[in-house]
Amino acid sequence: LAYLVVGVVVVEVVFVYPGMGQYLV
């Protein structure tokens, strides 16, 4: 579950999802 929140950066970038990972990148 921690990975699902913290490790979503790559997935959010691939799908251009407006989450924390995309915001960070």
mmCIF file of all heavy atoms, coordinates in Angstrom:
data_MODEL
# 
_entry.id   MODEL 
# 
loop_
_atom_site.group_PDB 
_atom_site.id 
_atom_site.type_symbol 
_atom_site.label_atom_id 
_atom_site.label_alt_id 
_atom_site.label_comp_id 
_atom_site.label_asym_id 
_atom_site.label_entity_id 
_atom_site.label_seq_id 
_atom_site.pdbx_PDB_ins_code 
_atom_site.Cartn_x 
_atom_site.Cartn_y 
_atom_site.Cartn_z 
_atom_site.occupancy 
_atom_site.B_iso_or_equiv 
_atom_site.pdbx_formal_charge 
_atom_site.auth_seq_id 
_atom_site.auth_comp_id 
_atom_site.auth_asym_id 
_atom_site.auth_atom_id 
_atom_site.pdbx_PDB_model_num 
ATOM 1   N N   . LEU A 1 1  ? 0.834  -1.198 0.000   1.00 0.00 ? 1  LEU A N   1 
ATOM 2   C CA  . LEU A 1 1  ? 0.000  0.000  0.000   1.00 0.00 ? 1  LEU A CA  1 
ATOM 3   C C   . LEU A 1 1  ? 0.870  1.250  0.000   1.00 0.00 ? 1  LEU A C   1 
ATOM 4   O O   . LEU A 1 1  ? 0.566  2.241  -0.672  1.00 0.00 ? 1  LEU A O   1 
ATOM 5   C CB  . LEU A 1 1  ? -0.927 0.005  1.219   1.00 0.00 ? 1  LEU A CB  1 
ATOM 6   C CG  . LEU A 1 1  ? -2.051 -1.033 1.228   1.00 0.00 ? 1  LEU A CG  1 
ATOM 7   C CD1 . LEU A 1 1  ? -2.899 -0.876 2.482   1.00 0.00 ? 1  LEU A CD1 1 
ATOM 8   C CD2 . LEU A 1 1  ? -2.924 -0.902 -0.008  1.00 0.00 ? 1  LEU A CD2 1 
ATOM 9   N N   . ALA A 1 2  ? 1.964  1.202  0.764   1.00 0.00 ? 2  ALA A N   1 
ATOM 10  C CA  . ALA A 1 2  ? 2.905  2.327  0.756   1.00 0.00 ? 2  ALA A CA  1 
ATOM 11  C C   . ALA A 1 2  ? 3.495  2.511  -0.632  1.00 0.00 ? 2  ALA A C   1 
ATOM 12  O O   . ALA A 1 2  ? 3.655  3.643  -1.106  1.00 0.00 ? 2  ALA A O   1 
ATOM 13  C CB  . ALA A 1 2  ? 4.013  2.089  1.780   1.00 0.00 ? 2  ALA A CB  1 
ATOM 14  N N   . TYR A 1 3  ? 3.788  1.397  -1.294  1.00 0.00 ? 3  TYR A N   1 
ATOM 15  C CA  . TYR A 1 3  ? 4.305  1.507  -2.662  1.00 0.00 ? 3  TYR A CA  1 
ATOM 16  C C   . TYR A 1 3  ? 3.271  2.119  -3.592  1.00 0.00 ? 3  TYR A C   1 
ATOM 17  O O   . TYR A 1 3  ? 3.604  2.919  -4.477  1.00 0.00 ? 3  TYR A O   1 
ATOM 18  C CB  . TYR A 1 3  ? 4.726  0.138  -3.195  1.00 0.00 ? 3  TYR A CB  1 
ATOM 19  C CG  . TYR A 1 3  ? 5.035  0.183  -4.670  1.00 0.00 ? 3  TYR A CG  1 
ATOM 20  C CD1 . TYR A 1 3  ? 6.260  0.662  -5.113  1.00 0.00 ? 3  TYR A CD1 1 
ATOM 21  C CD2 . TYR A 1 3  ? 4.085  -0.185 -5.617  1.00 0.00 ? 3  TYR A CD2 1 
ATOM 22  C CE1 . TYR A 1 3  ? 6.539  0.745  -6.470  1.00 0.00 ? 3  TYR A CE1 1 
ATOM 23  C CE2 . TYR A 1 3  ? 4.353  -0.093 -6.965  1.00 0.00 ? 3  TYR A CE2 1 
ATOM 24  C CZ  . TYR A 1 3  ? 5.579  0.371  -7.386  1.00 0.00 ? 3  TYR A CZ  1 
ATOM 25  O OH  . TYR A 1 3  ? 5.839  0.470  -8.722  1.00 0.00 ? 3  TYR A OH  1 
ATOM 26  N N   . LEU A 1 4  ? 1.995  1.744  -3.406  1.00 0.00 ? 4  LEU A N   1 
ATOM 27  C CA  . LEU A 1 4  ? 0.947  2.263  -4.271  1.00 0.00 ? 4  LEU A CA  1 
ATOM 28  C C   . LEU A 1 4  ? 0.853  3.786  -4.192  1.00 0.00 ? 4  LEU A C   1 
ATOM 29  O O   . LEU A 1 4  ? 0.501  4.445  -5.166  1.00 0.00 ? 4  LEU A O   1 
ATOM 30  C CB  . LEU A 1 4  ? -0.405 1.644  -3.898  1.00 0.00 ? 4  LEU A CB  1 
ATOM 31  C CG  . LEU A 1 4  ? -0.623 0.189  -4.322  1.00 0.00 ? 4  LEU A CG  1 
ATOM 32  C CD1 . LEU A 1 4  ? -1.956 -0.319 -3.804  1.00 0.00 ? 4  LEU A CD1 1 
ATOM 33  C CD2 . LEU A 1 4  ? -0.556 0.050  -5.834  1.00 0.00 ? 4  LEU A CD2 1 
ATOM 34  N N   . VAL A 1 5  ? 1.154  4.345  -3.019  1.00 0.00 ? 5  VAL A N   1 
ATOM 35  C CA  . VAL A 1 5  ? 1.106  5.797  -2.864  1.00 0.00 ? 5  VAL A CA  1 
ATOM 36  C C   . VAL A 1 5  ? 2.419  6.441  -3.289  1.00 0.00 ? 5  VAL A C   1 
ATOM 37  O O   . VAL A 1 5  ? 2.441  7.447  -3.997  1.00 0.00 ? 5  VAL A O   1 
ATOM 38  C CB  . VAL A 1 5  ? 0.770  6.180  -1.402  1.00 0.00 ? 5  VAL A CB  1 
ATOM 39  C CG1 . VAL A 1 5  ? 0.768  7.691  -1.225  1.00 0.00 ? 5  VAL A CG1 1 
ATOM 40  C CG2 . VAL A 1 5  ? -0.592 5.613  -1.006  1.00 0.00 ? 5  VAL A CG2 1 
ATOM 41  N N   . VAL A 1 6  ? 3.533  5.841  -2.861  1.00 0.00 ? 6  VAL A N   1 
ATOM 42  C CA  . VAL A 1 6  ? 4.849  6.457  -3.070  1.00 0.00 ? 6  VAL A CA  1 
ATOM 43  C C   . VAL A 1 6  ? 5.451  6.069  -4.420  1.00 0.00 ? 6  VAL A C   1 
ATOM 44  O O   . VAL A 1 6  ? 6.148  6.874  -5.049  1.00 0.00 ? 6  VAL A O   1 
ATOM 45  C CB  . VAL A 1 6  ? 5.801  6.050  -1.926  1.00 0.00 ? 6  VAL A CB  1 
ATOM 46  C CG1 . VAL A 1 6  ? 7.191  6.623  -2.149  1.00 0.00 ? 6  VAL A CG1 1 
ATOM 47  C CG2 . VAL A 1 6  ? 5.248  6.525  -0.584  1.00 0.00 ? 6  VAL A CG2 1 
ATOM 48  N N   . GLY A 1 7  ? 5.164  4.851  -4.875  1.00 0.00 ? 7  GLY A N   1 
ATOM 49  C CA  . GLY A 1 7  ? 5.833  4.362  -6.072  1.00 0.00 ? 7  GLY A CA  1 
ATOM 50  C C   . GLY A 1 7  ? 5.053  4.528  -7.357  1.00 0.00 ? 7  GLY A C   1 
ATOM 51  O O   . GLY A 1 7  ? 5.328  3.835  -8.347  1.00 0.00 ? 7  GLY A O   1 
ATOM 52  N N   . VAL A 1 8  ? 4.064  5.421  -7.349  1.00 0.00 ? 8  VAL A N   1 
ATOM 53  C CA  . VAL A 1 8  ? 3.230  5.583  -8.547  1.00 0.00 ? 8  VAL A CA  1 
ATOM 54  C C   . VAL A 1 8  ? 3.815  6.574  -9.541  1.00 0.00 ? 8  VAL A C   1 
ATOM 55  O O   . VAL A 1 8  ? 3.181  6.862  -10.555 1.00 0.00 ? 8  VAL A O   1 
ATOM 56  C CB  . VAL A 1 8  ? 1.803  6.047  -8.163  1.00 0.00 ? 8  VAL A CB  1 
ATOM 57  C CG1 . VAL A 1 8  ? 1.090  5.000  -7.354  1.00 0.00 ? 8  VAL A CG1 1 
ATOM 58  C CG2 . VAL A 1 8  ? 1.857  7.367  -7.411  1.00 0.00 ? 8  VAL A CG2 1 
ATOM 59  N N   . VAL A 1 9  ? 5.002  7.092  -9.269  1.00 0.00 ? 9  VAL A N   1 
ATOM 60  C CA  . VAL A 1 9  ? 5.563  8.151  -10.113 1.00 0.00 ? 9  VAL A CA  1 
ATOM 61  C C   . VAL A 1 9  ? 5.637  7.717  -11.569 1.00 0.00 ? 9  VAL A C   1 
ATOM 62  O O   . VAL A 1 9  ? 5.171  8.420  -12.477 1.00 0.00 ? 9  VAL A O   1 
ATOM 63  C CB  . VAL A 1 9  ? 6.958  8.567  -9.598  1.00 0.00 ? 9  VAL A CB  1 
ATOM 64  C CG1 . VAL A 1 9  ? 7.577  9.600  -10.536 1.00 0.00 ? 9  VAL A CG1 1 
ATOM 65  C CG2 . VAL A 1 9  ? 6.852  9.134  -8.186  1.00 0.00 ? 9  VAL A CG2 1 
ATOM 66  N N   . VAL A 1 10 ? 6.210  6.532  -11.814 1.00 0.00 ? 10 VAL A N   1 
ATOM 67  C CA  . VAL A 1 10 ? 6.375  6.050  -13.183 1.00 0.00 ? 10 VAL A CA  1 
ATOM 68  C C   . VAL A 1 10 ? 5.024  5.843  -13.843 1.00 0.00 ? 10 VAL A C   1 
ATOM 69  O O   . VAL A 1 10 ? 4.808  6.241  -14.998 1.00 0.00 ? 10 VAL A O   1 
ATOM 70  C CB  . VAL A 1 10 ? 7.189  4.738  -13.198 1.00 0.00 ? 10 VAL A CB  1 
ATOM 71  C CG1 . VAL A 1 10 ? 7.231  4.151  -14.602 1.00 0.00 ? 10 VAL A CG1 1 
ATOM 72  C CG2 . VAL A 1 10 ? 8.600  4.989  -12.688 1.00 0.00 ? 10 VAL A CG2 1 
ATOM 73  N N   . VAL A 1 11 ? 4.087  5.229  -13.129 1.00 0.00 ? 11 VAL A N   1 
ATOM 74  C CA  . VAL A 1 11 ? 2.761  4.950  -13.698 1.00 0.00 ? 11 VAL A CA  1 
ATOM 75  C C   . VAL A 1 11 ? 2.031  6.247  -14.013 1.00 0.00 ? 11 VAL A C   1 
ATOM 76  O O   . VAL A 1 11 ? 1.390  6.372  -15.068 1.00 0.00 ? 11 VAL A O   1 
ATOM 77  C CB  . VAL A 1 11 ? 1.940  4.079  -12.729 1.00 0.00 ? 11 VAL A CB  1 
ATOM 78  C CG1 . VAL A 1 11 ? 0.517  3.896  -13.231 1.00 0.00 ? 11 VAL A CG1 1 
ATOM 79  C CG2 . VAL A 1 11 ? 2.611  2.728  -12.537 1.00 0.00 ? 11 VAL A CG2 1 
ATOM 80  N N   . GLU A 1 12 ? 2.115  7.238  -13.128 1.00 0.00 ? 12 GLU A N   1 
ATOM 81  C CA  . GLU A 1 12 ? 1.449  8.512  -13.374 1.00 0.00 ? 12 GLU A CA  1 
ATOM 82  C C   . GLU A 1 12 ? 2.045  9.236  -14.576 1.00 0.00 ? 12 GLU A C   1 
ATOM 83  O O   . GLU A 1 12 ? 1.322  9.874  -15.342 1.00 0.00 ? 12 GLU A O   1 
ATOM 84  C CB  . GLU A 1 12 ? 1.532  9.392  -12.125 1.00 0.00 ? 12 GLU A CB  1 
ATOM 85  C CG  . GLU A 1 12 ? 0.652  8.913  -10.987 1.00 0.00 ? 12 GLU A CG  1 
ATOM 86  C CD  . GLU A 1 12 ? 0.611  9.880  -9.820  1.00 0.00 ? 12 GLU A CD  1 
ATOM 87  O OE1 . GLU A 1 12 ? 1.289  10.926 -9.891  1.00 0.00 ? 12 GLU A OE1 1 
ATOM 88  O OE2 . GLU A 1 12 ? -0.091 9.584  -8.847  1.00 0.00 ? 12 GLU A OE2 1 
ATOM 89  N N   . VAL A 1 13 ? 3.337  9.128  -14.746 1.00 0.00 ? 13 VAL A N   1 
ATOM 90  C CA  . VAL A 1 13 ? 3.984  9.769  -15.894 1.00 0.00 ? 13 VAL A CA  1 
ATOM 91  C C   . VAL A 1 13 ? 3.574  9.074  -17.193 1.00 0.00 ? 13 VAL A C   1 
ATOM 92  O O   . VAL A 1 13 ? 3.277  9.729  -18.196 1.00 0.00 ? 13 VAL A O   1 
ATOM 93  C CB  . VAL A 1 13 ? 5.515  9.763  -15.735 1.00 0.00 ? 13 VAL A CB  1 
ATOM 94  C CG1 . VAL A 1 13 ? 6.197  10.212 -17.016 1.00 0.00 ? 13 VAL A CG1 1 
ATOM 95  C CG2 . VAL A 1 13 ? 5.931  10.666 -14.578 1.00 0.00 ? 13 VAL A CG2 1 
ATOM 96  N N   . VAL A 1 14 ? 3.538  7.740  -17.187 1.00 0.00 ? 14 VAL A N   1 
ATOM 97  C CA  . VAL A 1 14 ? 3.166  6.985  -18.397 1.00 0.00 ? 14 VAL A CA  1 
ATOM 98  C C   . VAL A 1 14 ? 1.751  7.337  -18.845 1.00 0.00 ? 14 VAL A C   1 
ATOM 99  O O   . VAL A 1 14 ? 1.491  7.544  -20.043 1.00 0.00 ? 14 VAL A O   1 
ATOM 100 C CB  . VAL A 1 14 ? 3.284  5.467  -18.142 1.00 0.00 ? 14 VAL A CB  1 
ATOM 101 C CG1 . VAL A 1 14 ? 2.647  4.677  -19.292 1.00 0.00 ? 14 VAL A CG1 1 
ATOM 102 C CG2 . VAL A 1 14 ? 4.743  5.068  -17.982 1.00 0.00 ? 14 VAL A CG2 1 
ATOM 103 N N   . PHE A 1 15 ? 0.828  7.451  -17.880 1.00 0.00 ? 15 PHE A N   1 
ATOM 104 C CA  . PHE A 1 15 ? -0.576 7.691  -18.228 1.00 0.00 ? 15 PHE A CA  1 
ATOM 105 C C   . PHE A 1 15 ? -0.977 9.165  -18.071 1.00 0.00 ? 15 PHE A C   1 
ATOM 106 O O   . PHE A 1 15 ? -2.152 9.497  -18.168 1.00 0.00 ? 15 PHE A O   1 
ATOM 107 C CB  . PHE A 1 15 ? -1.485 6.817  -17.363 1.00 0.00 ? 15 PHE A CB  1 
ATOM 108 C CG  . PHE A 1 15 ? -1.358 5.346  -17.639 1.00 0.00 ? 15 PHE A CG  1 
ATOM 109 C CD1 . PHE A 1 15 ? -0.570 4.536  -16.833 1.00 0.00 ? 15 PHE A CD1 1 
ATOM 110 C CD2 . PHE A 1 15 ? -1.995 4.783  -18.727 1.00 0.00 ? 15 PHE A CD2 1 
ATOM 111 C CE1 . PHE A 1 15 ? -0.443 3.191  -17.090 1.00 0.00 ? 15 PHE A CE1 1 
ATOM 112 C CE2 . PHE A 1 15 ? -1.877 3.426  -18.995 1.00 0.00 ? 15 PHE A CE2 1 
ATOM 113 C CZ  . PHE A 1 15 ? -1.090 2.627  -18.178 1.00 0.00 ? 15 PHE A CZ  1 
ATOM 114 N N   . VAL A 1 16 ? -0.001 10.038 -17.820 1.00 0.00 ? 16 VAL A N   1 
ATOM 115 C CA  . VAL A 1 16 ? -0.233 11.481 -17.679 1.00 0.00 ? 16 VAL A CA  1 
ATOM 116 C C   . VAL A 1 16 ? -1.362 11.725 -16.672 1.00 0.00 ? 16 VAL A C   1 
ATOM 117 O O   . VAL A 1 16 ? -2.311 12.477 -16.926 1.00 0.00 ? 16 VAL A O   1 
ATOM 118 C CB  . VAL A 1 16 ? -0.573 12.143 -19.038 1.00 0.00 ? 16 VAL A CB  1 
ATOM 119 C CG1 . VAL A 1 16 ? -0.355 13.650 -18.959 1.00 0.00 ? 16 VAL A CG1 1 
ATOM 120 C CG2 . VAL A 1 16 ? 0.284  11.573 -20.151 1.00 0.00 ? 16 VAL A CG2 1 
ATOM 121 N N   . TYR A 1 17 ? -1.248 11.064 -15.536 1.00 0.00 ? 17 TYR A N   1 
ATOM 122 C CA  . TYR A 1 17 ? -2.266 11.184 -14.493 1.00 0.00 ? 17 TYR A CA  1 
ATOM 123 C C   . TYR A 1 17 ? -1.918 12.358 -13.577 1.00 0.00 ? 17 TYR A C   1 
ATOM 124 O O   . TYR A 1 17 ? -0.772 12.471 -13.122 1.00 0.00 ? 17 TYR A O   1 
ATOM 125 C CB  . TYR A 1 17 ? -2.335 9.894  -13.678 1.00 0.00 ? 17 TYR A CB  1 
ATOM 126 C CG  . TYR A 1 17 ? -3.397 9.888  -12.612 1.00 0.00 ? 17 TYR A CG  1 
ATOM 127 C CD1 . TYR A 1 17 ? -4.739 9.801  -12.946 1.00 0.00 ? 17 TYR A CD1 1 
ATOM 128 C CD2 . TYR A 1 17 ? -3.057 9.964  -11.266 1.00 0.00 ? 17 TYR A CD2 1 
ATOM 129 C CE1 . TYR A 1 17 ? -5.717 9.781  -11.966 1.00 0.00 ? 17 TYR A CE1 1 
ATOM 130 C CE2 . TYR A 1 17 ? -4.019 9.949  -10.286 1.00 0.00 ? 17 TYR A CE2 1 
ATOM 131 C CZ  . TYR A 1 17 ? -5.357 9.852  -10.639 1.00 0.00 ? 17 TYR A CZ  1 
ATOM 132 O OH  . TYR A 1 17 ? -6.323 9.847  -9.667  1.00 0.00 ? 17 TYR A OH  1 
ATOM 133 N N   . PRO A 1 18 ? -2.864 13.252 -13.289 1.00 0.00 ? 18 PRO A N   1 
ATOM 134 C CA  . PRO A 1 18 ? -2.554 14.454 -12.490 1.00 0.00 ? 18 PRO A CA  1 
ATOM 135 C C   . PRO A 1 18 ? -2.439 14.178 -10.998 1.00 0.00 ? 18 PRO A C   1 
ATOM 136 O O   . PRO A 1 18 ? -3.242 14.654 -10.185 1.00 0.00 ? 18 PRO A O   1 
ATOM 137 C CB  . PRO A 1 18 ? -3.752 15.373 -12.801 1.00 0.00 ? 18 PRO A CB  1 
ATOM 138 C CG  . PRO A 1 18 ? -4.878 14.436 -13.052 1.00 0.00 ? 18 PRO A CG  1 
ATOM 139 C CD  . PRO A 1 18 ? -4.279 13.244 -13.753 1.00 0.00 ? 18 PRO A CD  1 
ATOM 140 N N   . GLY A 1 19 ? -1.424 13.402 -10.628 1.00 0.00 ? 19 GLY A N   1 
ATOM 141 C CA  . GLY A 1 19 ? -1.204 13.069 -9.228  1.00 0.00 ? 19 GLY A CA  1 
ATOM 142 C C   . GLY A 1 19 ? 0.109  13.626 -8.713  1.00 0.00 ? 19 GLY A C   1 
ATOM 143 O O   . GLY A 1 19 ? 0.762  14.446 -9.357  1.00 0.00 ? 19 GLY A O   1 
ATOM 144 N N   . MET A 1 20 ? 0.508  13.147 -7.553  1.00 0.00 ? 20 MET A N   1 
ATOM 145 C CA  . MET A 1 20 ? 1.735  13.634 -6.916  1.00 0.00 ? 20 MET A CA  1 
ATOM 146 C C   . MET A 1 20 ? 2.974  13.288 -7.733  1.00 0.00 ? 20 MET A C   1 
ATOM 147 O O   . MET A 1 20 ? 3.916  14.084 -7.815  1.00 0.00 ? 20 MET A O   1 
ATOM 148 C CB  . MET A 1 20 ? 1.860  13.022 -5.518  1.00 0.00 ? 20 MET A CB  1 
ATOM 149 C CG  . MET A 1 20 ? 0.941  13.636 -4.485  1.00 0.00 ? 20 MET A CG  1 
ATOM 150 S SD  . MET A 1 20 ? 1.528  15.234 -3.923  1.00 0.00 ? 20 MET A SD  1 
ATOM 151 C CE  . MET A 1 20 ? 2.988  14.731 -3.006  1.00 0.00 ? 20 MET A CE  1 
ATOM 152 N N   . GLY A 1 21 ? 2.984  12.096 -8.329  1.00 0.00 ? 21 GLY A N   1 
ATOM 153 C CA  . GLY A 1 21 ? 4.146  11.699 -9.112  1.00 0.00 ? 21 GLY A CA  1 
ATOM 154 C C   . GLY A 1 21 ? 4.367  12.598 -10.312 1.00 0.00 ? 21 GLY A C   1 
ATOM 155 O O   . GLY A 1 21 ? 5.497  13.041 -10.572 1.00 0.00 ? 21 GLY A O   1 
ATOM 156 N N   . GLN A 1 22 ? 3.305  12.894 -11.047 1.00 0.00 ? 22 GLN A N   1 
ATOM 157 C CA  . GLN A 1 22 ? 3.404  13.790 -12.196 1.00 0.00 ? 22 GLN A CA  1 
ATOM 158 C C   . GLN A 1 22 ? 3.802  15.193 -11.755 1.00 0.00 ? 22 GLN A C   1 
ATOM 159 O O   . GLN A 1 22 ? 4.606  15.873 -12.408 1.00 0.00 ? 22 GLN A O   1 
ATOM 160 C CB  . GLN A 1 22 ? 2.058  13.828 -12.921 1.00 0.00 ? 22 GLN A CB  1 
ATOM 161 C CG  . GLN A 1 22 ? 2.049  14.656 -14.190 1.00 0.00 ? 22 GLN A CG  1 
ATOM 162 C CD  . GLN A 1 22 ? 2.860  14.008 -15.299 1.00 0.00 ? 22 GLN A CD  1 
ATOM 163 O OE1 . GLN A 1 22 ? 2.748  12.806 -15.536 1.00 0.00 ? 22 GLN A OE1 1 
ATOM 164 N NE2 . GLN A 1 22 ? 3.676  14.784 -15.977 1.00 0.00 ? 22 GLN A NE2 1 
ATOM 165 N N   . TYR A 1 23 ? 3.244  15.630 -10.638 1.00 0.00 ? 23 TYR A N   1 
ATOM 166 C CA  . TYR A 1 23 ? 3.571  16.955 -10.081 1.00 0.00 ? 23 TYR A CA  1 
ATOM 167 C C   . TYR A 1 23 ? 5.058  17.035 -9.727  1.00 0.00 ? 23 TYR A C   1 
ATOM 168 O O   . TYR A 1 23 ? 5.730  18.040 -10.026 1.00 0.00 ? 23 TYR A O   1 
ATOM 169 C CB  . TYR A 1 23 ? 2.708  17.178 -8.843  1.00 0.00 ? 23 TYR A CB  1 
ATOM 170 C CG  . TYR A 1 23 ? 2.843  18.532 -8.184  1.00 0.00 ? 23 TYR A CG  1 
ATOM 171 C CD1 . TYR A 1 23 ? 2.503  19.707 -8.848  1.00 0.00 ? 23 TYR A CD1 1 
ATOM 172 C CD2 . TYR A 1 23 ? 3.292  18.645 -6.864  1.00 0.00 ? 23 TYR A CD2 1 
ATOM 173 C CE1 . TYR A 1 23 ? 2.603  20.947 -8.242  1.00 0.00 ? 23 TYR A CE1 1 
ATOM 174 C CE2 . TYR A 1 23 ? 3.397  19.875 -6.251  1.00 0.00 ? 23 TYR A CE2 1 
ATOM 175 C CZ  . TYR A 1 23 ? 3.050  21.021 -6.936  1.00 0.00 ? 23 TYR A CZ  1 
ATOM 176 O OH  . TYR A 1 23 ? 3.167  22.253 -6.327  1.00 0.00 ? 23 TYR A OH  1 
ATOM 177 N N   . LEU A 1 24 ? 5.590  15.986 -9.138  1.00 0.00 ? 24 LEU A N   1 
ATOM 178 C CA  . LEU A 1 24 ? 7.006  15.952 -8.770  1.00 0.00 ? 24 LEU A CA  1 
ATOM 179 C C   . LEU A 1 24 ? 7.895  15.988 -10.004 1.00 0.00 ? 24 LEU A C   1 
ATOM 180 O O   . LEU A 1 24 ? 8.855  16.770 -10.074 1.00 0.00 ? 24 LEU A O   1 
ATOM 181 C CB  . LEU A 1 24 ? 7.294  14.695 -7.951  1.00 0.00 ? 24 LEU A CB  1 
ATOM 182 C CG  . LEU A 1 24 ? 8.750  14.391 -7.610  1.00 0.00 ? 24 LEU A CG  1 
ATOM 183 C CD1 . LEU A 1 24 ? 9.358  15.510 -6.766  1.00 0.00 ? 24 LEU A CD1 1 
ATOM 184 C CD2 . LEU A 1 24 ? 8.877  13.055 -6.882  1.00 0.00 ? 24 LEU A CD2 1 
ATOM 185 N N   . VAL A 1 25 ? 7.593  15.163 -10.987 1.00 0.00 ? 25 VAL A N   1 
ATOM 186 C CA  . VAL A 1 25 ? 8.423  15.095 -12.192 1.00 0.00 ? 25 VAL A CA  1 
ATOM 187 C C   . VAL A 1 25 ? 8.415  16.427 -12.937 1.00 0.00 ? 25 VAL A C   1 
ATOM 188 O O   . VAL A 1 25 ? 9.447  16.898 -13.430 1.00 0.00 ? 25 VAL A O   1 
ATOM 189 C CB  . VAL A 1 25 ? 7.940  13.948 -13.101 1.00 0.00 ? 25 VAL A CB  1 
ATOM 190 C CG1 . VAL A 1 25 ? 8.644  13.996 -14.458 1.00 0.00 ? 25 VAL A CG1 1 
ATOM 191 C CG2 . VAL A 1 25 ? 8.182  12.610 -12.439 1.00 0.00 ? 25 VAL A CG2 1 
# 
